[in-house]
């Protein structure tokens, strides 16, 4: 048994002895309310599940914990970077316009439409 384990056991024993000696003592503590959460299913290809399992195992955590960390980090990063839905919509519209302009340019440059 390590020194820190022994110390922890001694502290627990002392606390237990104190609690037994004073069973009517008023305790001043509040139980913390856990944050509300919901379960959300996620469908991934089998090879990605295996990849997720390997990455989680390398980090010493459960795959669900790793996914939860990634999702929360990505959501936080999106919010902090001003990545709300309006910004993403504006980026999408800009990309569509840029692609449309490029396609128009390609159509205008078609060699078979030029008189010559």
C-alpha atoms as a PDB file:
ATOM      1  CA  UNK A   1       0.000   0.000   0.000  1.00  0.00           C
ATOM      2  CA  UNK A   2       1.379   3.402  -0.931  1.00  0.00           C
ATOM      3  CA  UNK A   3       1.860   6.225   1.535  1.00  0.00           C
ATOM      4  CA  UNK A   4      -0.919   8.325  -0.018  1.00  0.00           C
ATOM      5  CA  UNK A   5      -3.339   5.368   0.079  1.00  0.00           C
ATOM      6  CA  UNK A   6      -2.503   4.757   3.729  1.00  0.00           C
ATOM      7  CA  UNK A   7      -3.014   8.450   4.541  1.00  0.00           C
ATOM      8  CA  UNK A   8      -6.361   8.452   2.749  1.00  0.00           C
ATOM      9  CA  UNK A   9      -7.514   5.376   4.653  1.00  0.00           C
ATOM     10  CA  UNK A  10      -6.424   6.950   7.949  1.00  0.00           C
ATOM     11  CA  UNK A  11      -8.383  10.135   7.159  1.00  0.00           C
ATOM     12  CA  UNK A  12     -11.479   8.114   6.248  1.00  0.00           C
ATOM     13  CA  UNK A  13     -11.159   6.079   9.437  1.00  0.00           C
ATOM     14  CA  UNK A  14     -10.811   9.254  11.531  1.00  0.00           C
ATOM     15  CA  UNK A  15     -13.861  10.813   9.850  1.00  0.00           C
ATOM     16  CA  UNK A  16     -15.866   7.626  10.383  1.00  0.00           C
ATOM     17  CA  UNK A  17     -14.857   7.521  14.054  1.00  0.00           C
ATOM     18  CA  UNK A  18     -15.855  11.186  14.488  1.00  0.00           C
ATOM     19  CA  UNK A  19     -19.207  10.552  12.785  1.00  0.00           C
ATOM     20  CA  UNK A  20     -19.900   7.557  15.024  1.00  0.00           C
ATOM     21  CA  UNK A  21     -19.013   9.571  18.119  1.00  0.00           C
ATOM     22  CA  UNK A  22     -21.360  12.436  17.194  1.00  0.00           C
ATOM     23  CA  UNK A  23     -24.398  10.880  15.461  1.00  0.00           C
ATOM     24  CA  UNK A  24     -26.676  13.838  16.320  1.00  0.00           C
ATOM     25  CA  UNK A  25     -24.311  16.521  15.035  1.00  0.00           C
ATOM     26  CA  UNK A  26     -25.865  18.935  12.570  1.00  0.00           C
ATOM     27  CA  UNK A  27     -24.224  18.672   9.180  1.00  0.00           C
ATOM     28  CA  UNK A  28     -23.880  21.749   7.030  1.00  0.00           C
ATOM     29  CA  UNK A  29     -23.682  20.674   3.455  1.00  0.00           C
ATOM     30  CA  UNK A  30     -25.751  20.976   0.337  1.00  0.00           C
ATOM     31  CA  UNK A  31     -26.072  18.330  -2.263  1.00  0.00           C
ATOM     32  CA  UNK A  32     -25.155  19.712  -5.661  1.00  0.00           C
ATOM     33  CA  UNK A  33     -27.797  19.382  -8.313  1.00  0.00           C
ATOM     34  CA  UNK A  34     -26.386  17.737 -11.418  1.00  0.00           C
ATOM     35  CA  UNK A  35     -26.699  19.681 -14.643  1.00  0.00           C
ATOM     36  CA  UNK A  36     -29.577  18.537 -16.772  1.00  0.00           C
ATOM     37  CA  UNK A  37     -28.529  16.505 -19.795  1.00  0.00           C
ATOM     38  CA  UNK A  38     -30.154  14.401 -22.479  1.00  0.00           C
ATOM     39  CA  UNK A  39     -29.129  11.382 -24.486  1.00  0.00           C
ATOM     40  CA  UNK A  40     -28.599  11.965 -28.211  1.00  0.00           C
ATOM     41  CA  UNK A  41     -28.099   9.052 -30.596  1.00  0.00           C
ATOM     42  CA  UNK A  42     -25.444   9.304 -33.270  1.00  0.00           C
ATOM     43  CA  UNK A  43     -25.052   7.053 -36.295  1.00  0.00           C
ATOM     44  CA  UNK A  44     -21.486   6.525 -37.512  1.00  0.00           C
ATOM     45  CA  UNK A  45     -19.954   4.066 -39.993  1.00  0.00           C
ATOM     46  CA  UNK A  46     -18.486   0.975 -38.335  1.00  0.00           C
ATOM     47  CA  UNK A  47     -14.910   1.878 -39.281  1.00  0.00           C
ATOM     48  CA  UNK A  48     -15.337   5.264 -37.593  1.00  0.00           C
ATOM     49  CA  UNK A  49     -16.648   3.577 -34.442  1.00  0.00           C
ATOM     50  CA  UNK A  50     -13.515   1.435 -34.355  1.00  0.00           C
ATOM     51  CA  UNK A  51     -11.378   4.521 -34.895  1.00  0.00           C
ATOM     52  CA  UNK A  52     -13.215   6.277 -32.065  1.00  0.00           C
ATOM     53  CA  UNK A  53     -12.654   3.313 -29.760  1.00  0.00           C
ATOM     54  CA  UNK A  54      -8.920   3.273 -30.509  1.00  0.00           C
ATOM     55  CA  UNK A  55      -8.565   7.006 -29.888  1.00  0.00           C
ATOM     56  CA  UNK A  56     -10.546   6.840 -26.651  1.00  0.00           C
ATOM     57  CA  UNK A  57      -8.570   3.846 -25.418  1.00  0.00           C
ATOM     58  CA  UNK A  58      -5.299   5.674 -26.128  1.00  0.00           C
ATOM     59  CA  UNK A  59      -6.572   8.536 -23.946  1.00  0.00           C
ATOM     60  CA  UNK A  60      -7.810   6.182 -21.233  1.00  0.00           C
ATOM     61  CA  UNK A  61     -11.449   7.292 -21.487  1.00  0.00           C
ATOM     62  CA  UNK A  62     -14.712   5.891 -22.768  1.00  0.00           C
ATOM     63  CA  UNK A  63     -15.643   6.588 -26.421  1.00  0.00           C
ATOM     64  CA  UNK A  64     -18.835   8.361 -25.343  1.00  0.00           C
ATOM     65  CA  UNK A  65     -16.790  10.691 -23.133  1.00  0.00           C
ATOM     66  CA  UNK A  66     -14.453  11.516 -26.019  1.00  0.00           C
ATOM     67  CA  UNK A  67     -17.349  12.279 -28.371  1.00  0.00           C
ATOM     68  CA  UNK A  68     -19.045  14.414 -25.717  1.00  0.00           C
ATOM     69  CA  UNK A  69     -15.808  16.385 -25.185  1.00  0.00           C
ATOM     70  CA  UNK A  70     -15.397  16.951 -28.928  1.00  0.00           C
ATOM     71  CA  UNK A  71     -18.979  18.085 -29.431  1.00  0.00           C
ATOM     72  CA  UNK A  72     -18.910  20.453 -26.461  1.00  0.00           C
ATOM     73  CA  UNK A  73     -15.535  21.897 -27.534  1.00  0.00           C
ATOM     74  CA  UNK A  74     -16.767  22.419 -31.087  1.00  0.00           C
ATOM     75  CA  UNK A  75     -19.976  24.070 -29.894  1.00  0.00           C
ATOM     76  CA  UNK A  76     -18.040  26.337 -27.529  1.00  0.00           C
ATOM     77  CA  UNK A  77     -15.537  27.262 -30.255  1.00  0.00           C
ATOM     78  CA  UNK A  78     -18.350  28.050 -32.675  1.00  0.00           C
ATOM     79  CA  UNK A  79     -20.075  30.319 -30.182  1.00  0.00           C
ATOM     80  CA  UNK A  80     -16.858  32.085 -29.130  1.00  0.00           C
ATOM     81  CA  UNK A  81     -15.833  32.720 -32.726  1.00  0.00           C
ATOM     82  CA  UNK A  82     -19.181  34.302 -33.495  1.00  0.00           C
ATOM     83  CA  UNK A  83     -20.138  31.109 -35.282  1.00  0.00           C
ATOM     84  CA  UNK A  84     -23.841  31.419 -34.669  1.00  0.00           C
ATOM     85  CA  UNK A  85     -26.334  30.288 -37.293  1.00  0.00           C
ATOM     86  CA  UNK A  86     -26.378  33.706 -38.984  1.00  0.00           C
ATOM     87  CA  UNK A  87     -22.630  33.639 -39.590  1.00  0.00           C
ATOM     88  CA  UNK A  88     -22.713  30.103 -40.945  1.00  0.00           C
ATOM     89  CA  UNK A  89     -25.594  31.030 -43.239  1.00  0.00           C
ATOM     90  CA  UNK A  90     -23.674  34.058 -44.498  1.00  0.00           C
ATOM     91  CA  UNK A  91     -20.579  31.912 -45.130  1.00  0.00           C
ATOM     92  CA  UNK A  92     -22.668  29.349 -47.003  1.00  0.00           C
ATOM     93  CA  UNK A  93     -24.273  32.064 -49.150  1.00  0.00           C
ATOM     94  CA  UNK A  94     -20.850  33.588 -49.897  1.00  0.00           C
ATOM     95  CA  UNK A  95     -19.524  30.177 -50.938  1.00  0.00           C
ATOM     96  CA  UNK A  96     -22.528  29.561 -53.202  1.00  0.00           C
ATOM     97  CA  UNK A  97     -22.124  32.976 -54.841  1.00  0.00           C
ATOM     98  CA  UNK A  98     -18.417  32.393 -55.360  1.00  0.00           C
ATOM     99  CA  UNK A  99     -19.063  28.985 -56.925  1.00  0.00           C
ATOM    100  CA  UNK A 100     -21.794  30.421 -59.137  1.00  0.00           C
ATOM    101  CA  UNK A 101     -19.494  33.226 -60.326  1.00  0.00           C
ATOM    102  CA  UNK A 102     -16.750  30.709 -61.082  1.00  0.00           C
ATOM    103  CA  UNK A 103     -19.150  28.515 -63.074  1.00  0.00           C
ATOM    104  CA  UNK A 104     -20.344  31.548 -65.060  1.00  0.00           C
ATOM    105  CA  UNK A 105     -16.743  32.409 -65.848  1.00  0.00           C
ATOM    106  CA  UNK A 106     -16.076  28.848 -67.029  1.00  0.00           C
ATOM    107  CA  UNK A 107     -19.196  28.947 -69.219  1.00  0.00           C
ATOM    108  CA  UNK A 108     -18.107  32.263 -70.734  1.00  0.00           C
ATOM    109  CA  UNK A 109     -14.709  30.786 -71.550  1.00  0.00           C
ATOM    110  CA  UNK A 110     -16.070  27.732 -73.393  1.00  0.00           C
ATOM    111  CA  UNK A 111     -14.053  27.384 -76.587  1.00  0.00           C
ATOM    112  CA  UNK A 112     -16.953  25.907 -78.586  1.00  0.00           C
ATOM    113  CA  UNK A 113     -19.111  29.026 -78.150  1.00  0.00           C
ATOM    114  CA  UNK A 114     -16.624  31.532 -79.515  1.00  0.00           C
ATOM    115  CA  UNK A 115     -16.993  32.601 -83.134  1.00  0.00           C
ATOM    116  CA  UNK A 116     -13.827  32.330 -84.970  1.00  0.00           C
END
